[in-house]
PDB file of N, CA and C in Angstrom:
ATOM      1  N   UNK A   1      -4.670   1.260  11.286  1.00  0.00           N
ATOM      2  CA  UNK A   1      -5.318   0.009  10.995  1.00  0.00           C
ATOM      3  C   UNK A   1      -5.223  -0.894  12.212  1.00  0.00           C
ATOM      4  N   UNK A   2      -6.285  -1.554  12.489  1.00  0.00           N
ATOM      5  CA  UNK A   2      -6.297  -2.442  13.636  1.00  0.00           C
ATOM      6  C   UNK A   2      -6.036  -1.718  14.939  1.00  0.00           C
ATOM      7  N   UNK A   3      -6.403  -0.453  14.996  1.00  0.00           N
ATOM      8  CA  UNK A   3      -6.187   0.340  16.195  1.00  0.00           C
ATOM      9  C   UNK A   3      -4.791   0.895  16.328  1.00  0.00           C
ATOM     10  N   UNK A   4      -3.968   0.747  15.316  1.00  0.00           N
ATOM     11  CA  UNK A   4      -2.591   1.247  15.348  1.00  0.00           C
ATOM     12  C   UNK A   4      -2.392   2.341  14.310  1.00  0.00           C
ATOM     13  N   UNK A   5      -1.539   3.297  14.652  1.00  0.00           N
ATOM     14  CA  UNK A   5      -1.148   4.323  13.689  1.00  0.00           C
ATOM     15  C   UNK A   5      -0.006   3.784  12.841  1.00  0.00           C
ATOM     16  N   UNK A   6      -0.055   4.067  11.565  1.00  0.00           N
ATOM     17  CA  UNK A   6       1.014   3.703  10.639  1.00  0.00           C
ATOM     18  C   UNK A   6       1.677   4.972  10.128  1.00  0.00           C
ATOM     19  N   UNK A   7       2.974   4.940   9.979  1.00  0.00           N
ATOM     20  CA  UNK A   7       3.711   6.026   9.361  1.00  0.00           C
ATOM     21  C   UNK A   7       3.770   5.751   7.864  1.00  0.00           C
ATOM     22  N   UNK A   8       3.536   6.778   7.051  1.00  0.00           N
ATOM     23  CA  UNK A   8       3.634   6.654   5.605  1.00  0.00           C
ATOM     24  C   UNK A   8       4.938   7.317   5.180  1.00  0.00           C
ATOM     25  N   UNK A   9       5.824   6.545   4.568  1.00  0.00           N
ATOM     26  CA  UNK A   9       7.122   7.070   4.136  1.00  0.00           C
ATOM     27  C   UNK A   9       7.131   7.239   2.619  1.00  0.00           C
ATOM     28  N   UNK A  10       7.481   8.441   2.172  1.00  0.00           N
ATOM     29  CA  UNK A  10       7.550   8.738   0.736  1.00  0.00           C
ATOM     30  C   UNK A  10       8.793   9.570   0.401  1.00  0.00           C
ATOM     31  N   UNK A  11       9.833   9.477   1.213  1.00  0.00           N
ATOM     32  CA  UNK A  11      11.031  10.293   1.026  1.00  0.00           C
ATOM     33  C   UNK A  11      11.976   9.682  -0.010  1.00  0.00           C
ATOM     34  N   UNK A  12      13.054  10.403  -0.309  1.00  0.00           N
ATOM     35  CA  UNK A  12      14.016   9.955  -1.327  1.00  0.00           C
ATOM     36  C   UNK A  12      14.735   8.667  -0.940  1.00  0.00           C
ATOM     37  N   UNK A  13      15.037   8.487   0.349  1.00  0.00           N
ATOM     38  CA  UNK A  13      15.697   7.259   0.812  1.00  0.00           C
ATOM     39  C   UNK A  13      14.764   6.068   0.586  1.00  0.00           C
ATOM     40  N   UNK A  14      13.487   6.256   0.900  1.00  0.00           N
ATOM     41  CA  UNK A  14      12.484   5.202   0.696  1.00  0.00           C
ATOM     42  C   UNK A  14      12.366   4.872  -0.782  1.00  0.00           C
ATOM     43  N   UNK A  15      12.332   5.899  -1.625  1.00  0.00           N
ATOM     44  CA  UNK A  15      12.242   5.689  -3.075  1.00  0.00           C
ATOM     45  C   UNK A  15      13.423   4.878  -3.573  1.00  0.00           C
ATOM     46  N   UNK A  16      14.618   5.227  -3.131  1.00  0.00           N
ATOM     47  CA  UNK A  16      15.814   4.496  -3.549  1.00  0.00           C
ATOM     48  C   UNK A  16      15.745   3.030  -3.116  1.00  0.00           C
ATOM     49  N   UNK A  17      15.341   2.787  -1.873  1.00  0.00           N
ATOM     50  CA  UNK A  17      15.216   1.425  -1.358  1.00  0.00           C
ATOM     51  C   UNK A  17      14.202   0.626  -2.185  1.00  0.00           C
ATOM     52  N   UNK A  18      13.043   1.210  -2.435  1.00  0.00           N
ATOM     53  CA  UNK A  18      12.001   0.497  -3.189  1.00  0.00           C
ATOM     54  C   UNK A  18      12.468   0.198  -4.605  1.00  0.00           C
ATOM     55  N   UNK A  19      13.113   1.172  -5.245  1.00  0.00           N
ATOM     56  CA  UNK A  19      13.600   0.951  -6.614  1.00  0.00           C
ATOM     57  C   UNK A  19      14.651  -0.154  -6.641  1.00  0.00           C
ATOM     58  N   UNK A  20      15.539  -0.167  -5.627  1.00  0.00           N
ATOM     59  CA  UNK A  20      16.569  -1.216  -5.550  1.00  0.00           C
ATOM     60  C   UNK A  20      15.955  -2.605  -5.415  1.00  0.00           C
ATOM     61  N   UNK A  21      14.762  -2.684  -4.827  1.00  0.00           N
ATOM     62  CA  UNK A  21      14.084  -3.965  -4.633  1.00  0.00           C
ATOM     63  C   UNK A  21      12.944  -4.183  -5.628  1.00  0.00           C
ATOM     64  N   UNK A  22      12.865  -3.307  -6.633  1.00  0.00           N
ATOM     65  CA  UNK A  22      11.836  -3.397  -7.682  1.00  0.00           C
ATOM     66  C   UNK A  22      10.422  -3.441  -7.109  1.00  0.00           C
ATOM     67  N   UNK A  23      10.183  -2.628  -6.079  1.00  0.00           N
ATOM     68  CA  UNK A  23       8.859  -2.544  -5.459  1.00  0.00           C
ATOM     69  C   UNK A  23       8.291  -1.146  -5.628  1.00  0.00           C
ATOM     70  N   UNK A  24       6.977  -1.078  -5.698  1.00  0.00           N
ATOM     71  CA  UNK A  24       6.283   0.211  -5.729  1.00  0.00           C
ATOM     72  C   UNK A  24       5.838   0.619  -4.339  1.00  0.00           C
ATOM     73  N   UNK A  25       5.803  -0.345  -3.429  1.00  0.00           N
ATOM     74  CA  UNK A  25       5.415  -0.080  -2.057  1.00  0.00           C
ATOM     75  C   UNK A  25       5.768  -1.254  -1.181  1.00  0.00           C
ATOM     76  N   UNK A  26       5.682  -1.026   0.117  1.00  0.00           N
ATOM     77  CA  UNK A  26       6.004  -2.080   1.070  1.00  0.00           C
ATOM     78  C   UNK A  26       5.309  -1.758   2.389  1.00  0.00           C
ATOM     79  N   UNK A  27       4.854  -2.795   3.074  1.00  0.00           N
ATOM     80  CA  UNK A  27       4.206  -2.621   4.368  1.00  0.00           C
ATOM     81  C   UNK A  27       4.964  -3.423   5.417  1.00  0.00           C
ATOM     82  N   UNK A  28       5.368  -2.749   6.481  1.00  0.00           N
ATOM     83  CA  UNK A  28       6.001  -3.417   7.607  1.00  0.00           C
ATOM     84  C   UNK A  28       5.061  -3.291   8.794  1.00  0.00           C
ATOM     85  N   UNK A  29       4.324  -4.376   9.076  1.00  0.00           N
ATOM     86  CA  UNK A  29       3.393  -4.329  10.200  1.00  0.00           C
ATOM     87  C   UNK A  29       4.152  -4.221  11.518  1.00  0.00           C
ATOM     88  N   UNK A  30       5.259  -4.909  11.616  1.00  0.00           N
ATOM     89  CA  UNK A  30       6.051  -4.882  12.852  1.00  0.00           C
ATOM     90  C   UNK A  30       6.447  -3.452  13.221  1.00  0.00           C
ATOM     91  N   UNK A  31       6.879  -2.674  12.210  1.00  0.00           N
ATOM     92  CA  UNK A  31       7.292  -1.287  12.448  1.00  0.00           C
ATOM     93  C   UNK A  31       6.163  -0.293  12.217  1.00  0.00           C
ATOM     94  N   UNK A  32       5.024  -0.792  11.735  1.00  0.00           N
ATOM     95  CA  UNK A  32       3.865   0.046  11.410  1.00  0.00           C
ATOM     96  C   UNK A  32       4.249   1.173  10.454  1.00  0.00           C
ATOM     97  N   UNK A  33       4.870   0.754   9.338  1.00  0.00           N
ATOM     98  CA  UNK A  33       5.306   1.696   8.316  1.00  0.00           C
ATOM     99  C   UNK A  33       4.826   1.212   6.958  1.00  0.00           C
ATOM    100  N   UNK A  34       4.252   2.115   6.190  1.00  0.00           N
ATOM    101  CA  UNK A  34       3.938   1.852   4.789  1.00  0.00           C
ATOM    102  C   UNK A  34       4.856   2.754   3.972  1.00  0.00           C
ATOM    103  N   UNK A  35       5.672   2.149   3.126  1.00  0.00           N
ATOM    104  CA  UNK A  35       6.612   2.870   2.275  1.00  0.00           C
ATOM    105  C   UNK A  35       6.061   2.882   0.858  1.00  0.00           C
ATOM    106  N   UNK A  36       6.117   4.055   0.224  1.00  0.00           N
ATOM    107  CA  UNK A  36       5.544   4.201  -1.113  1.00  0.00           C
ATOM    108  C   UNK A  36       6.503   4.905  -2.057  1.00  0.00           C
ATOM    109  N   UNK A  37       6.501   4.459  -3.297  1.00  0.00           N
ATOM    110  CA  UNK A  37       7.266   5.080  -4.379  1.00  0.00           C
ATOM    111  C   UNK A  37       6.524   6.350  -4.796  1.00  0.00           C
ATOM    112  N   UNK A  38       7.092   7.511  -4.482  1.00  0.00           N
ATOM    113  CA  UNK A  38       6.410   8.762  -4.788  1.00  0.00           C
ATOM    114  C   UNK A  38       6.639   9.248  -6.217  1.00  0.00           C
ATOM    115  N   UNK A  39       7.310   8.451  -7.040  1.00  0.00           N
ATOM    116  CA  UNK A  39       7.517   8.845  -8.436  1.00  0.00           C
ATOM    117  C   UNK A  39       6.412   8.296  -9.347  1.00  0.00           C
ATOM    118  N   UNK A  40       5.469   7.572  -8.781  1.00  0.00           N
ATOM    119  CA  UNK A  40       4.368   7.010  -9.556  1.00  0.00           C
ATOM    120  C   UNK A  40       3.360   8.097  -9.945  1.00  0.00           C
ATOM    121  N   UNK A  41       2.561   7.797 -10.934  1.00  0.00           N
ATOM    122  CA  UNK A  41       1.462   8.692 -11.276  1.00  0.00           C
ATOM    123  C   UNK A  41       0.505   8.753 -10.085  1.00  0.00           C
ATOM    124  N   UNK A  42      -0.304   9.814  -9.975  1.00  0.00           N
ATOM    125  CA  UNK A  42      -1.244   9.896  -8.853  1.00  0.00           C
ATOM    126  C   UNK A  42      -2.163   8.673  -8.750  1.00  0.00           C
ATOM    127  N   UNK A  43      -2.632   8.173  -9.879  1.00  0.00           N
ATOM    128  CA  UNK A  43      -3.521   7.006  -9.867  1.00  0.00           C
ATOM    129  C   UNK A  43      -2.781   5.765  -9.366  1.00  0.00           C
ATOM    130  N   UNK A  44      -1.564   5.535  -9.858  1.00  0.00           N
ATOM    131  CA  UNK A  44      -0.786   4.379  -9.422  1.00  0.00           C
ATOM    132  C   UNK A  44      -0.373   4.503  -7.952  1.00  0.00           C
ATOM    133  N   UNK A  45      -0.039   5.711  -7.520  1.00  0.00           N
ATOM    134  CA  UNK A  45       0.312   5.945  -6.122  1.00  0.00           C
ATOM    135  C   UNK A  45      -0.854   5.555  -5.207  1.00  0.00           C
ATOM    136  N   UNK A  46      -2.062   5.977  -5.591  1.00  0.00           N
ATOM    137  CA  UNK A  46      -3.255   5.660  -4.816  1.00  0.00           C
ATOM    138  C   UNK A  46      -3.490   4.158  -4.770  1.00  0.00           C
ATOM    139  N   UNK A  47      -3.344   3.502  -5.920  1.00  0.00           N
ATOM    140  CA  UNK A  47      -3.549   2.047  -5.959  1.00  0.00           C
ATOM    141  C   UNK A  47      -2.512   1.324  -5.099  1.00  0.00           C
ATOM    142  N   UNK A  48      -1.277   1.783  -5.139  1.00  0.00           N
ATOM    143  CA  UNK A  48      -0.228   1.163  -4.328  1.00  0.00           C
ATOM    144  C   UNK A  48      -0.514   1.348  -2.845  1.00  0.00           C
ATOM    145  N   UNK A  49      -0.982   2.536  -2.454  1.00  0.00           N
ATOM    146  CA  UNK A  49      -1.335   2.776  -1.054  1.00  0.00           C
ATOM    147  C   UNK A  49      -2.428   1.804  -0.600  1.00  0.00           C
ATOM    148  N   UNK A  50      -3.458   1.643  -1.417  1.00  0.00           N
ATOM    149  CA  UNK A  50      -4.546   0.717  -1.093  1.00  0.00           C
ATOM    150  C   UNK A  50      -4.010  -0.713  -0.983  1.00  0.00           C
ATOM    151  N   UNK A  51      -3.143  -1.088  -1.907  1.00  0.00           N
ATOM    152  CA  UNK A  51      -2.539  -2.422  -1.914  1.00  0.00           C
ATOM    153  C   UNK A  51      -1.790  -2.672  -0.597  1.00  0.00           C
ATOM    154  N   UNK A  52      -0.978  -1.723  -0.185  1.00  0.00           N
ATOM    155  CA  UNK A  52      -0.202  -1.908   1.048  1.00  0.00           C
ATOM    156  C   UNK A  52      -1.109  -1.906   2.275  1.00  0.00           C
ATOM    157  N   UNK A  53      -2.194  -1.141   2.242  1.00  0.00           N
ATOM    158  CA  UNK A  53      -3.176  -1.189   3.333  1.00  0.00           C
ATOM    159  C   UNK A  53      -3.816  -2.569   3.400  1.00  0.00           C
ATOM    160  N   UNK A  54      -4.077  -3.168   2.255  1.00  0.00           N
ATOM    161  CA  UNK A  54      -4.644  -4.529   2.246  1.00  0.00           C
ATOM    162  C   UNK A  54      -3.675  -5.526   2.876  1.00  0.00           C
ATOM    163  N   UNK A  55      -2.373  -5.346   2.644  1.00  0.00           N
ATOM    164  CA  UNK A  55      -1.387  -6.215   3.312  1.00  0.00           C
ATOM    165  C   UNK A  55      -1.475  -6.044   4.825  1.00  0.00           C
ATOM    166  N   UNK A  56      -1.613  -4.810   5.289  1.00  0.00           N
ATOM    167  CA  UNK A  56      -1.719  -4.570   6.733  1.00  0.00           C
ATOM    168  C   UNK A  56      -2.969  -5.233   7.296  1.00  0.00           C
ATOM    169  N   UNK A  57      -4.074  -5.082   6.611  1.00  0.00           N
ATOM    170  CA  UNK A  57      -5.329  -5.696   7.058  1.00  0.00           C
ATOM    171  C   UNK A  57      -5.188  -7.220   7.078  1.00  0.00           C
ATOM    172  N   UNK A  58      -4.551  -7.775   6.054  1.00  0.00           N
ATOM    173  CA  UNK A  58      -4.324  -9.220   6.006  1.00  0.00           C
ATOM    174  C   UNK A  58      -3.504  -9.674   7.215  1.00  0.00           C
ATOM    175  N   UNK A  59      -2.452  -8.949   7.535  1.00  0.00           N
ATOM    176  CA  UNK A  59      -1.612  -9.312   8.679  1.00  0.00           C
ATOM    177  C   UNK A  59      -2.390  -9.236   9.981  1.00  0.00           C
ATOM    178  N   UNK A  60      -3.153  -8.164  10.155  1.00  0.00           N
ATOM    179  CA  UNK A  60      -3.864  -7.940  11.414  1.00  0.00           C
ATOM    180  C   UNK A  60      -5.030  -8.914  11.596  1.00  0.00           C
ATOM    181  N   UNK A  61      -5.824  -9.091  10.543  1.00  0.00           N
ATOM    182  CA  UNK A  61      -7.079  -9.832  10.693  1.00  0.00           C
ATOM    183  C   UNK A  61      -7.081 -11.239  10.083  1.00  0.00           C
ATOM    184  N   UNK A  62      -6.144 -11.513   9.196  1.00  0.00           N
ATOM    185  CA  UNK A  62      -6.161 -12.818   8.510  1.00  0.00           C
ATOM    186  C   UNK A  62      -4.886 -13.618   8.740  1.00  0.00           C
ATOM    187  N   UNK A  63      -4.011 -13.160   9.643  1.00  0.00           N
ATOM    188  CA  UNK A  63      -2.795 -13.896   9.974  1.00  0.00           C
ATOM    189  C   UNK A  63      -1.924 -14.178   8.746  1.00  0.00           C
ATOM    190  N   UNK A  64      -1.872 -13.205   7.829  1.00  0.00           N
ATOM    191  CA  UNK A  64      -1.064 -13.330   6.600  1.00  0.00           C
ATOM    192  C   UNK A  64      -1.454 -14.531   5.745  1.00  0.00           C
ATOM    193  N   UNK A  65      -2.743 -14.826   5.709  1.00  0.00           N
ATOM    194  CA  UNK A  65      -3.221 -15.988   4.952  1.00  0.00           C
ATOM    195  C   UNK A  65      -3.412 -15.694   3.459  1.00  0.00           C
ATOM    196  N   UNK A  66      -3.565 -14.416   3.100  1.00  0.00           N
ATOM    197  CA  UNK A  66      -3.828 -14.092   1.696  1.00  0.00           C
ATOM    198  C   UNK A  66      -2.547 -14.161   0.870  1.00  0.00           C
ATOM    199  N   UNK A  67      -2.669 -14.658  -0.338  1.00  0.00           N
ATOM    200  CA  UNK A  67      -1.525 -14.671  -1.249  1.00  0.00           C
ATOM    201  C   UNK A  67      -1.359 -13.276  -1.852  1.00  0.00           C
ATOM    202  N   UNK A  68      -0.218 -13.035  -2.445  1.00  0.00           N
ATOM    203  CA  UNK A  68       0.011 -11.753  -3.136  1.00  0.00           C
ATOM    204  C   UNK A  68      -1.027 -11.550  -4.231  1.00  0.00           C
ATOM    205  N   UNK A  69      -1.365 -12.617  -4.916  1.00  0.00           N
ATOM    206  CA  UNK A  69      -2.379 -12.553  -5.985  1.00  0.00           C
ATOM    207  C   UNK A  69      -3.726 -12.114  -5.412  1.00  0.00           C
ATOM    208  N   UNK A  70      -4.104 -12.650  -4.261  1.00  0.00           N
ATOM    209  CA  UNK A  70      -5.378 -12.284  -3.632  1.00  0.00           C
ATOM    210  C   UNK A  70      -5.359 -10.822  -3.161  1.00  0.00           C
ATOM    211  N   UNK A  71      -4.265 -10.410  -2.545  1.00  0.00           N
ATOM    212  CA  UNK A  71      -4.146  -9.012  -2.113  1.00  0.00           C
ATOM    213  C   UNK A  71      -4.238  -8.090  -3.317  1.00  0.00           C
ATOM    214  N   UNK A  72      -3.556  -8.450  -4.394  1.00  0.00           N
ATOM    215  CA  UNK A  72      -3.590  -7.634  -5.613  1.00  0.00           C
ATOM    216  C   UNK A  72      -5.015  -7.493  -6.138  1.00  0.00           C
ATOM    217  N   UNK A  73      -5.767  -8.580  -6.147  1.00  0.00           N
ATOM    218  CA  UNK A  73      -7.145  -8.544  -6.639  1.00  0.00           C
ATOM    219  C   UNK A  73      -8.056  -7.701  -5.766  1.00  0.00           C
ATOM    220  N   UNK A  74      -7.949  -7.870  -4.463  1.00  0.00           N
ATOM    221  CA  UNK A  74      -8.774  -7.085  -3.532  1.00  0.00           C
ATOM    222  C   UNK A  74      -8.422  -5.608  -3.638  1.00  0.00           C
ATOM    223  N   UNK A  75      -7.140  -5.294  -3.660  1.00  0.00           N
ATOM    224  CA  UNK A  75      -6.701  -3.902  -3.748  1.00  0.00           C
ATOM    225  C   UNK A  75      -7.162  -3.259  -5.052  1.00  0.00           C
ATOM    226  N   UNK A  76      -7.050  -3.981  -6.161  1.00  0.00           N
ATOM    227  CA  UNK A  76      -7.496  -3.433  -7.449  1.00  0.00           C
ATOM    228  C   UNK A  76      -8.993  -3.173  -7.446  1.00  0.00           C
ATOM    229  N   UNK A  77      -9.748  -4.086  -6.840  1.00  0.00           N
ATOM    230  CA  UNK A  77     -11.193  -3.900  -6.745  1.00  0.00           C
ATOM    231  C   UNK A  77     -11.552  -2.675  -5.927  1.00  0.00           C
ATOM    232  N   UNK A  78     -10.934  -2.517  -4.770  1.00  0.00           N
ATOM    233  CA  UNK A  78     -11.189  -1.326  -3.954  1.00  0.00           C
ATOM    234  C   UNK A  78     -10.751  -0.059  -4.673  1.00  0.00           C
ATOM    235  N   UNK A  79      -9.617  -0.133  -5.355  1.00  0.00           N
ATOM    236  CA  UNK A  79      -9.131   1.035  -6.083  1.00  0.00           C
ATOM    237  C   UNK A  79     -10.133   1.464  -7.151  1.00  0.00           C
ATOM    238  N   UNK A  80     -10.675   0.519  -7.889  1.00  0.00           N
ATOM    239  CA  UNK A  80     -11.664   0.850  -8.920  1.00  0.00           C
ATOM    240  C   UNK A  80     -12.905   1.485  -8.315  1.00  0.00           C
ATOM    241  N   UNK A  81     -13.374   0.941  -7.200  1.00  0.00           N
ATOM    242  CA  UNK A  81     -14.549   1.506  -6.530  1.00  0.00           C
ATOM    243  C   UNK A  81     -14.275   2.933  -6.078  1.00  0.00           C
ATOM    244  N   UNK A  82     -13.148   3.135  -5.408  1.00  0.00           N
ATOM    245  CA  UNK A  82     -12.831   4.462  -4.888  1.00  0.00           C
ATOM    246  C   UNK A  82     -12.611   5.471  -6.004  1.00  0.00           C
ATOM    247  N   UNK A  83     -11.922   5.066  -7.067  1.00  0.00           N
ATOM    248  CA  UNK A  83     -11.720   5.970  -8.201  1.00  0.00           C
ATOM    249  C   UNK A  83     -13.063   6.374  -8.816  1.00  0.00           C
ATOM    250  N   UNK A  84     -13.987   5.432  -8.943  1.00  0.00           N
ATOM    251  CA  UNK A  84     -15.290   5.752  -9.538  1.00  0.00           C
ATOM    252  C   UNK A  84     -16.093   6.700  -8.648  1.00  0.00           C
ATOM    253  N   UNK A  85     -15.773   6.720  -7.352  1.00  0.00           N
ATOM    254  CA  UNK A  85     -16.419   7.645  -6.417  1.00  0.00           C
ATOM    255  C   UNK A  85     -15.655   8.968  -6.305  1.00  0.00           C
ATOM    256  N   UNK A  86     -14.548   9.068  -7.037  1.00  0.00           N
ATOM    257  CA  UNK A  86     -13.765  10.293  -6.991  1.00  0.00           C
ATOM    258  C   UNK A  86     -12.814  10.377  -5.797  1.00  0.00           C
ATOM    259  N   UNK A  87     -12.517   9.217  -5.199  1.00  0.00           N
ATOM    260  CA  UNK A  87     -11.622   9.197  -4.034  1.00  0.00           C
ATOM    261  C   UNK A  87     -10.254   8.689  -4.485  1.00  0.00           C
ATOM    262  N   UNK A  88      -9.253   9.501  -4.236  1.00  0.00           N
ATOM    263  CA  UNK A  88      -7.885   9.116  -4.604  1.00  0.00           C
ATOM    264  C   UNK A  88      -6.962   9.552  -3.478  1.00  0.00           C
ATOM    265  N   UNK A  89      -6.055   8.680  -3.098  1.00  0.00           N
ATOM    266  CA  UNK A  89      -5.063   9.004  -2.078  1.00  0.00           C
ATOM    267  C   UNK A  89      -3.869   9.640  -2.787  1.00  0.00           C
ATOM    268  N   UNK A  90      -3.504  10.830  -2.370  1.00  0.00           N
ATOM    269  CA  UNK A  90      -2.465  11.576  -3.062  1.00  0.00           C
ATOM    270  C   UNK A  90      -1.244  11.752  -2.181  1.00  0.00           C
ATOM    271  N   UNK A  91      -0.127  11.990  -2.847  1.00  0.00           N
ATOM    272  CA  UNK A  91       1.133  12.182  -2.124  1.00  0.00           C
ATOM    273  C   UNK A  91       1.233  13.588  -1.584  1.00  0.00           C
TER     274      UNK A  91
END
């Protein structure tokens, strides 16, 4: 995103960290890492990936101006579109 490669982390250490913080995913633009809870259903995993990508896009292009509520809405909208087209991001 934004011309940078991101690492996607879905290992057991990442899962433990996310569960400890009650998160399904997390995006660190500074480290260019997207961490995802791999225990989610395939549909939820895909939606979480899209959500965290929206956070990265917000950081890169919008200077972190979007609220969590706005990111959630945009991500859900994209997820619905992609699912209806048969596109799902899988673990």
